[in-house]
Amino acid sequence: MTVELTSTDLATLLKQKAGVTVSPLDLDRPGATFDDFGVDSLGLLAVVGELENRHGRSMTSAETSKSSAEFLQAVNLSLKEGS
């Protein structure tokens, strides 16, 4: 079974780990960046760290993502390669 991170999952993680509330619909908005939502690099690292702990694999490619679309693509590619 392939696991996939969704915008809803990411919104939950951003709330829990970065303290930022973002709607999943906003995360899906084309061109939206983490800066638009007030997510800084430390908040993003906290989310990446949580995902690495959950899935037991490195997701460093996601650390430099500027948008939620980039982030989801990097994480899901990593998860797919690990299945």
PDB file of N, CA and C in Angstrom:
ATOM      1  N   MET A   1       0.836  -1.186   0.000  1.00  0.00           N
ATOM      2  CA  MET A   1       0.000   0.000   0.000  1.00  0.00           C
ATOM      3  C   MET A   1       0.880   1.248   0.000  1.00  0.00           C
ATOM      4  N   THR A   2       0.609   2.150  -0.916  1.00  0.00           N
ATOM      5  CA  THR A   2       1.366   3.375  -1.024  1.00  0.00           C
ATOM      6  C   THR A   2       0.725   4.452  -0.152  1.00  0.00           C
ATOM      7  N   VAL A   3       1.539   5.092   0.641  1.00  0.00           N
ATOM      8  CA  VAL A   3       1.085   6.185   1.487  1.00  0.00           C
ATOM      9  C   VAL A   3       1.303   7.483   0.722  1.00  0.00           C
ATOM     10  N   GLU A   4       0.357   8.397   0.819  1.00  0.00           N
ATOM     11  CA  GLU A   4       0.498   9.684   0.158  1.00  0.00           C
ATOM     12  C   GLU A   4       0.089  10.791   1.109  1.00  0.00           C
ATOM     13  N   LEU A   5       0.907  11.833   1.169  1.00  0.00           N
ATOM     14  CA  LEU A   5       0.602  12.999   1.983  1.00  0.00           C
ATOM     15  C   LEU A   5      -0.324  13.907   1.182  1.00  0.00           C
ATOM     16  N   THR A   6      -1.424  14.320   1.790  1.00  0.00           N
ATOM     17  CA  THR A   6      -2.385  15.195   1.131  1.00  0.00           C
ATOM     18  C   THR A   6      -2.279  16.612   1.684  1.00  0.00           C
ATOM     19  N   SER A   7      -2.964  17.527   1.052  1.00  0.00           N
ATOM     20  CA  SER A   7      -3.013  18.909   1.545  1.00  0.00           C
ATOM     21  C   SER A   7      -3.631  18.970   2.935  1.00  0.00           C
ATOM     22  N   THR A   8      -4.613  18.132   3.184  1.00  0.00           N
ATOM     23  CA  THR A   8      -5.238  18.077   4.510  1.00  0.00           C
ATOM     24  C   THR A   8      -4.235  17.611   5.557  1.00  0.00           C
ATOM     25  N   ASP A   9      -3.452  16.576   5.203  1.00  0.00           N
ATOM     26  CA  ASP A   9      -2.412  16.091   6.116  1.00  0.00           C
ATOM     27  C   ASP A   9      -1.388  17.186   6.383  1.00  0.00           C
ATOM     28  N   LEU A  10      -0.981  17.879   5.334  1.00  0.00           N
ATOM     29  CA  LEU A  10       0.011  18.944   5.486  1.00  0.00           C
ATOM     30  C   LEU A  10      -0.534  20.072   6.347  1.00  0.00           C
ATOM     31  N   ALA A  11      -1.780  20.443   6.167  1.00  0.00           N
ATOM     32  CA  ALA A  11      -2.387  21.501   6.984  1.00  0.00           C
ATOM     33  C   ALA A  11      -2.366  21.111   8.461  1.00  0.00           C
ATOM     34  N   THR A  12      -2.659  19.859   8.745  1.00  0.00           N
ATOM     35  CA  THR A  12      -2.633  19.362  10.126  1.00  0.00           C
ATOM     36  C   THR A  12      -1.219  19.433  10.697  1.00  0.00           C
ATOM     37  N   LEU A  13      -0.243  18.992   9.920  1.00  0.00           N
ATOM     38  CA  LEU A  13       1.150  19.030  10.379  1.00  0.00           C
ATOM     39  C   LEU A  13       1.638  20.461  10.588  1.00  0.00           C
ATOM     40  N   LEU A  14       1.255  21.366   9.716  1.00  0.00           N
ATOM     41  CA  LEU A  14       1.652  22.764   9.882  1.00  0.00           C
ATOM     42  C   LEU A  14       1.083  23.351  11.168  1.00  0.00           C
ATOM     43  N   LYS A  15      -0.134  22.974  11.495  1.00  0.00           N
ATOM     44  CA  LYS A  15      -0.756  23.438  12.747  1.00  0.00           C
ATOM     45  C   LYS A  15      -0.030  22.855  13.952  1.00  0.00           C
ATOM     46  N   GLN A  16       0.241  21.542  13.914  1.00  0.00           N
ATOM     47  CA  GLN A  16       0.863  20.856  15.048  1.00  0.00           C
ATOM     48  C   GLN A  16       2.324  21.225  15.244  1.00  0.00           C
ATOM     49  N   LYS A  17       3.083  21.299  14.163  1.00  0.00           N
ATOM     50  CA  LYS A  17       4.531  21.433  14.258  1.00  0.00           C
ATOM     51  C   LYS A  17       5.052  22.849  14.052  1.00  0.00           C
ATOM     52  N   ALA A  18       4.322  23.658  13.283  1.00  0.00           N
ATOM     53  CA  ALA A  18       4.786  25.017  13.008  1.00  0.00           C
ATOM     54  C   ALA A  18       3.899  26.075  13.668  1.00  0.00           C
ATOM     55  N   GLY A  19       2.766  25.621  14.220  1.00  0.00           N
ATOM     56  CA  GLY A  19       1.860  26.560  14.877  1.00  0.00           C
ATOM     57  C   GLY A  19       1.153  27.503  13.919  1.00  0.00           C
ATOM     58  N   VAL A  20       1.003  27.083  12.670  1.00  0.00           N
ATOM     59  CA  VAL A  20       0.377  27.922  11.651  1.00  0.00           C
ATOM     60  C   VAL A  20      -0.880  27.228  11.143  1.00  0.00           C
ATOM     61  N   THR A  21      -1.995  27.942  11.176  1.00  0.00           N
ATOM     62  CA  THR A  21      -3.257  27.394  10.682  1.00  0.00           C
ATOM     63  C   THR A  21      -3.447  27.807   9.233  1.00  0.00           C
ATOM     64  N   VAL A  22      -3.571  26.812   8.379  1.00  0.00           N
ATOM     65  CA  VAL A  22      -3.761  27.031   6.942  1.00  0.00           C
ATOM     66  C   VAL A  22      -4.841  26.073   6.455  1.00  0.00           C
ATOM     67  N   SER A  23      -5.722  26.563   5.637  1.00  0.00           N
ATOM     68  CA  SER A  23      -6.750  25.717   5.030  1.00  0.00           C
ATOM     69  C   SER A  23      -6.114  24.837   3.957  1.00  0.00           C
ATOM     70  N   PRO A  24      -6.531  23.580   3.886  1.00  0.00           N
ATOM     71  CA  PRO A  24      -6.045  22.728   2.791  1.00  0.00           C
ATOM     72  C   PRO A  24      -6.353  23.322   1.412  1.00  0.00           C
ATOM     73  N   LEU A  25      -7.469  24.025   1.299  1.00  0.00           N
ATOM     74  CA  LEU A  25      -7.813  24.660   0.018  1.00  0.00           C
ATOM     75  C   LEU A  25      -6.806  25.742  -0.342  1.00  0.00           C
ATOM     76  N   ASP A  26      -6.335  26.484   0.661  1.00  0.00           N
ATOM     77  CA  ASP A  26      -5.312  27.495   0.411  1.00  0.00           C
ATOM     78  C   ASP A  26      -3.996  26.849  -0.002  1.00  0.00           C
ATOM     79  N   LEU A  27      -3.678  25.708   0.604  1.00  0.00           N
ATOM     80  CA  LEU A  27      -2.449  25.000   0.233  1.00  0.00           C
ATOM     81  C   LEU A  27      -2.486  24.536  -1.216  1.00  0.00           C
ATOM     82  N   ASP A  28      -3.677  24.276  -1.731  1.00  0.00           N
ATOM     83  CA  ASP A  28      -3.840  23.817  -3.110  1.00  0.00           C
ATOM     84  C   ASP A  28      -3.879  24.959  -4.121  1.00  0.00           C
ATOM     85  N   ARG A  29      -3.906  26.187  -3.632  1.00  0.00           N
ATOM     86  CA  ARG A  29      -3.995  27.345  -4.533  1.00  0.00           C
ATOM     87  C   ARG A  29      -2.710  27.468  -5.359  1.00  0.00           C
ATOM     88  N   PRO A  30      -2.815  27.516  -6.684  1.00  0.00           N
ATOM     89  CA  PRO A  30      -1.627  27.625  -7.535  1.00  0.00           C
ATOM     90  C   PRO A  30      -0.804  28.876  -7.202  1.00  0.00           C
ATOM     91  N   GLY A  31       0.489  28.690  -7.104  1.00  0.00           N
ATOM     92  CA  GLY A  31       1.393  29.803  -6.854  1.00  0.00           C
ATOM     93  C   GLY A  31       1.558  30.186  -5.398  1.00  0.00           C
ATOM     94  N   ALA A  32       0.791  29.585  -4.509  1.00  0.00           N
ATOM     95  CA  ALA A  32       0.887  29.919  -3.089  1.00  0.00           C
ATOM     96  C   ALA A  32       2.197  29.384  -2.513  1.00  0.00           C
ATOM     97  N   THR A  33       2.851  30.200  -1.718  1.00  0.00           N
ATOM     98  CA  THR A  33       4.114  29.803  -1.105  1.00  0.00           C
ATOM     99  C   THR A  33       3.965  29.703   0.404  1.00  0.00           C
ATOM    100  N   PHE A  34       4.923  29.035   1.023  1.00  0.00           N
ATOM    101  CA  PHE A  34       4.912  28.947   2.485  1.00  0.00           C
ATOM    102  C   PHE A  34       5.035  30.330   3.113  1.00  0.00           C
ATOM    103  N   ASP A  35       5.771  31.228   2.469  1.00  0.00           N
ATOM    104  CA  ASP A  35       5.876  32.602   2.973  1.00  0.00           C
ATOM    105  C   ASP A  35       4.503  33.264   3.054  1.00  0.00           C
ATOM    106  N   ASP A  36       3.637  32.974   2.077  1.00  0.00           N
ATOM    107  CA  ASP A  36       2.284  33.542   2.080  1.00  0.00           C
ATOM    108  C   ASP A  36       1.509  33.156   3.339  1.00  0.00           C
ATOM    109  N   PHE A  37       1.818  32.000   3.895  1.00  0.00           N
ATOM    110  CA  PHE A  37       1.097  31.486   5.057  1.00  0.00           C
ATOM    111  C   PHE A  37       1.810  31.768   6.373  1.00  0.00           C
ATOM    112  N   GLY A  38       2.998  32.358   6.294  1.00  0.00           N
ATOM    113  CA  GLY A  38       3.754  32.644   7.509  1.00  0.00           C
ATOM    114  C   GLY A  38       4.525  31.450   8.040  1.00  0.00           C
ATOM    115  N   VAL A  39       4.815  30.484   7.166  1.00  0.00           N
ATOM    116  CA  VAL A  39       5.589  29.310   7.563  1.00  0.00           C
ATOM    117  C   VAL A  39       7.059  29.601   7.270  1.00  0.00           C
ATOM    118  N   ASP A  40       7.873  29.633   8.329  1.00  0.00           N
ATOM    119  CA  ASP A  40       9.293  29.886   8.127  1.00  0.00           C
ATOM    120  C   ASP A  40      10.063  28.574   7.977  1.00  0.00           C
ATOM    121  N   SER A  41      11.357  28.687   7.753  1.00  0.00           N
ATOM    122  CA  SER A  41      12.177  27.503   7.504  1.00  0.00           C
ATOM    123  C   SER A  41      12.208  26.565   8.706  1.00  0.00           C
ATOM    124  N   LEU A  42      12.177  27.110   9.916  1.00  0.00           N
ATOM    125  CA  LEU A  42      12.174  26.243  11.110  1.00  0.00           C
ATOM    126  C   LEU A  42      10.869  25.468  11.228  1.00  0.00           C
ATOM    127  N   GLY A  43       9.772  26.099  10.900  1.00  0.00           N
ATOM    128  CA  GLY A  43       8.485  25.410  10.915  1.00  0.00           C
ATOM    129  C   GLY A  43       8.453  24.296   9.903  1.00  0.00           C
ATOM    130  N   LEU A  44       8.997  24.565   8.721  1.00  0.00           N
ATOM    131  CA  LEU A  44       9.036  23.553   7.678  1.00  0.00           C
ATOM    132  C   LEU A  44       9.947  22.392   8.080  1.00  0.00           C
ATOM    133  N   LEU A  45      11.067  22.707   8.719  1.00  0.00           N
ATOM    134  CA  LEU A  45      11.970  21.647   9.203  1.00  0.00           C
ATOM    135  C   LEU A  45      11.291  20.771  10.249  1.00  0.00           C
ATOM    136  N   ALA A  46      10.466  21.377  11.087  1.00  0.00           N
ATOM    137  CA  ALA A  46       9.741  20.597  12.092  1.00  0.00           C
ATOM    138  C   ALA A  46       8.773  19.617  11.421  1.00  0.00           C
ATOM    139  N   VAL A  47       8.120  20.055  10.356  1.00  0.00           N
ATOM    140  CA  VAL A  47       7.210  19.182   9.619  1.00  0.00           C
ATOM    141  C   VAL A  47       7.993  18.055   8.944  1.00  0.00           C
ATOM    142  N   VAL A  48       9.106  18.401   8.310  1.00  0.00           N
ATOM    143  CA  VAL A  48       9.939  17.391   7.657  1.00  0.00           C
ATOM    144  C   VAL A  48      10.440  16.372   8.683  1.00  0.00           C
ATOM    145  N   GLY A  49      10.889  16.861   9.843  1.00  0.00           N
ATOM    146  CA  GLY A  49      11.365  15.964  10.895  1.00  0.00           C
ATOM    147  C   GLY A  49      10.291  14.997  11.353  1.00  0.00           C
ATOM    148  N   GLU A  50       9.077  15.469  11.489  1.00  0.00           N
ATOM    149  CA  GLU A  50       7.958  14.606  11.875  1.00  0.00           C
ATOM    150  C   GLU A  50       7.714  13.531  10.817  1.00  0.00           C
ATOM    151  N   LEU A  51       7.738  13.934   9.565  1.00  0.00           N
ATOM    152  CA  LEU A  51       7.518  12.970   8.483  1.00  0.00           C
ATOM    153  C   LEU A  51       8.650  11.947   8.409  1.00  0.00           C
ATOM    154  N   GLU A  52       9.873  12.392   8.625  1.00  0.00           N
ATOM    155  CA  GLU A  52      11.002  11.465   8.622  1.00  0.00           C
ATOM    156  C   GLU A  52      10.871  10.457   9.761  1.00  0.00           C
ATOM    157  N   ASN A  53      10.457  10.918  10.919  1.00  0.00           N
ATOM    158  CA  ASN A  53      10.248  10.010  12.052  1.00  0.00           C
ATOM    159  C   ASN A  53       9.125   9.018  11.783  1.00  0.00           C
ATOM    160  N   ARG A  54       8.047   9.479  11.203  1.00  0.00           N
ATOM    161  CA  ARG A  54       6.905   8.609  10.916  1.00  0.00           C
ATOM    162  C   ARG A  54       7.230   7.524   9.899  1.00  0.00           C
ATOM    163  N   HIS A  55       8.000   7.906   8.891  1.00  0.00           N
ATOM    164  CA  HIS A  55       8.201   7.006   7.752  1.00  0.00           C
ATOM    165  C   HIS A  55       9.590   6.383   7.694  1.00  0.00           C
ATOM    166  N   GLY A  56      10.468   6.788   8.609  1.00  0.00           N
ATOM    167  CA  GLY A  56      11.785   6.182   8.692  1.00  0.00           C
ATOM    168  C   GLY A  56      12.658   6.385   7.473  1.00  0.00           C
ATOM    169  N   ARG A  57      12.504   7.540   6.851  1.00  0.00           N
ATOM    170  CA  ARG A  57      13.342   7.824   5.680  1.00  0.00           C
ATOM    171  C   ARG A  57      13.613   9.315   5.572  1.00  0.00           C
ATOM    172  N   SER A  58      14.729   9.638   4.940  1.00  0.00           N
ATOM    173  CA  SER A  58      15.130  11.028   4.755  1.00  0.00           C
ATOM    174  C   SER A  58      14.233  11.707   3.722  1.00  0.00           C
ATOM    175  N   MET A  59      13.884  12.948   4.010  1.00  0.00           N
ATOM    176  CA  MET A  59      13.079  13.733   3.078  1.00  0.00           C
ATOM    177  C   MET A  59      13.700  15.106   2.894  1.00  0.00           C
ATOM    178  N   THR A  60      15.029  15.137   2.789  1.00  0.00           N
ATOM    179  CA  THR A  60      15.736  16.406   2.695  1.00  0.00           C
ATOM    180  C   THR A  60      15.345  17.213   1.467  1.00  0.00           C
ATOM    181  N   SER A  61      14.888  16.554   0.414  1.00  0.00           N
ATOM    182  CA  SER A  61      14.486  17.295  -0.786  1.00  0.00           C
ATOM    183  C   SER A  61      13.283  18.198  -0.504  1.00  0.00           C
ATOM    184  N   ALA A  62      12.505  17.870   0.508  1.00  0.00           N
ATOM    185  CA  ALA A  62      11.327  18.674   0.849  1.00  0.00           C
ATOM    186  C   ALA A  62      11.688  19.915   1.659  1.00  0.00           C
ATOM    187  N   GLU A  63      12.853  19.908   2.291  1.00  0.00           N
ATOM    188  CA  GLU A  63      13.251  21.006   3.187  1.00  0.00           C
ATOM    189  C   GLU A  63      13.375  22.348   2.481  1.00  0.00           C
ATOM    190  N   THR A  64      13.701  22.338   1.214  1.00  0.00           N
ATOM    191  CA  THR A  64      13.922  23.584   0.481  1.00  0.00           C
ATOM    192  C   THR A  64      12.722  23.998  -0.365  1.00  0.00           C
ATOM    193  N   SER A  65      11.612  23.320  -0.204  1.00  0.00           N
ATOM    194  CA  SER A  65      10.405  23.639  -0.975  1.00  0.00           C
ATOM    195  C   SER A  65       9.919  25.039  -0.636  1.00  0.00           C
ATOM    196  N   LYS A  66       9.526  25.757  -1.654  1.00  0.00           N
ATOM    197  CA  LYS A  66       8.993  27.111  -1.465  1.00  0.00           C
ATOM    198  C   LYS A  66       7.472  27.122  -1.433  1.00  0.00           C
ATOM    199  N   SER A  67       6.863  26.074  -1.979  1.00  0.00           N
ATOM    200  CA  SER A  67       5.399  26.027  -2.032  1.00  0.00           C
ATOM    201  C   SER A  67       4.905  24.676  -1.531  1.00  0.00           C
ATOM    202  N   SER A  68       3.629  24.646  -1.204  1.00  0.00           N
ATOM    203  CA  SER A  68       3.044  23.388  -0.747  1.00  0.00           C
ATOM    204  C   SER A  68       3.031  22.361  -1.869  1.00  0.00           C
ATOM    205  N   ALA A  69       2.839  22.803  -3.102  1.00  0.00           N
ATOM    206  CA  ALA A  69       2.843  21.868  -4.232  1.00  0.00           C
ATOM    207  C   ALA A  69       4.209  21.204  -4.372  1.00  0.00           C
ATOM    208  N   GLU A  70       5.284  21.988  -4.269  1.00  0.00           N
ATOM    209  CA  GLU A  70       6.642  21.437  -4.319  1.00  0.00           C
ATOM    210  C   GLU A  70       6.867  20.470  -3.165  1.00  0.00           C
ATOM    211  N   PHE A  71       6.430  20.864  -1.991  1.00  0.00           N
ATOM    212  CA  PHE A  71       6.621  20.058  -0.794  1.00  0.00           C
ATOM    213  C   PHE A  71       5.910  18.710  -0.924  1.00  0.00           C
ATOM    214  N   LEU A  72       4.648  18.747  -1.316  1.00  0.00           N
ATOM    215  CA  LEU A  72       3.879  17.512  -1.455  1.00  0.00           C
ATOM    216  C   LEU A  72       4.484  16.605  -2.522  1.00  0.00           C
ATOM    217  N   GLN A  73       4.939  17.197  -3.604  1.00  0.00           N
ATOM    218  CA  GLN A  73       5.559  16.400  -4.662  1.00  0.00           C
ATOM    219  C   GLN A  73       6.831  15.731  -4.144  1.00  0.00           C
ATOM    220  N   ALA A  74       7.687  16.467  -3.438  1.00  0.00           N
ATOM    221  CA  ALA A  74       8.945  15.917  -2.921  1.00  0.00           C
ATOM    222  C   ALA A  74       8.684  14.814  -1.902  1.00  0.00           C
ATOM    223  N   VAL A  75       7.753  15.054  -0.980  1.00  0.00           N
ATOM    224  CA  VAL A  75       7.450  14.063   0.047  1.00  0.00           C
ATOM    225  C   VAL A  75       6.832  12.818  -0.572  1.00  0.00           C
ATOM    226  N   ASN A  76       5.880  12.998  -1.457  1.00  0.00           N
ATOM    227  CA  ASN A  76       5.204  11.837  -2.043  1.00  0.00           C
ATOM    228  C   ASN A  76       6.132  11.030  -2.943  1.00  0.00           C
ATOM    229  N   LEU A  77       7.064  11.688  -3.601  1.00  0.00           N
ATOM    230  CA  LEU A  77       8.057  10.968  -4.389  1.00  0.00           C
ATOM    231  C   LEU A  77       8.942  10.132  -3.467  1.00  0.00           C
ATOM    232  N   SER A  78       9.340  10.709  -2.356  1.00  0.00           N
ATOM    233  CA  SER A  78      10.147   9.981  -1.376  1.00  0.00           C
ATOM    234  C   SER A  78       9.385   8.790  -0.812  1.00  0.00           C
ATOM    235  N   LEU A  79       8.124   8.982  -0.506  1.00  0.00           N
ATOM    236  CA  LEU A  79       7.303   7.896   0.030  1.00  0.00           C
ATOM    237  C   LEU A  79       7.088   6.806  -1.009  1.00  0.00           C
ATOM    238  N   LYS A  80       6.903   7.198  -2.240  1.00  0.00           N
ATOM    239  CA  LYS A  80       6.691   6.225  -3.319  1.00  0.00           C
ATOM    240  C   LYS A  80       7.947   5.387  -3.539  1.00  0.00           C
ATOM    241  N   GLU A  81       9.102   6.032  -3.496  1.00  0.00           N
ATOM    242  CA  GLU A  81      10.366   5.312  -3.678  1.00  0.00           C
ATOM    243  C   GLU A  81      10.623   4.342  -2.538  1.00  0.00           C
ATOM    244  N   GLY A  82      10.056   4.643  -1.379  1.00  0.00           N
ATOM    245  CA  GLY A  82      10.262   3.785  -0.210  1.00  0.00           C
ATOM    246  C   GLY A  82       9.312   2.624  -0.120  1.00  0.00           C
ATOM    247  N   SER A  83       8.296   2.592  -0.982  1.00  0.00           N
ATOM    248  CA  SER A  83       7.312   1.500  -0.879  1.00  0.00           C
ATOM    249  C   SER A  83       7.711   0.273  -1.662  1.00  0.00           C
TER     250      SER A  83
END
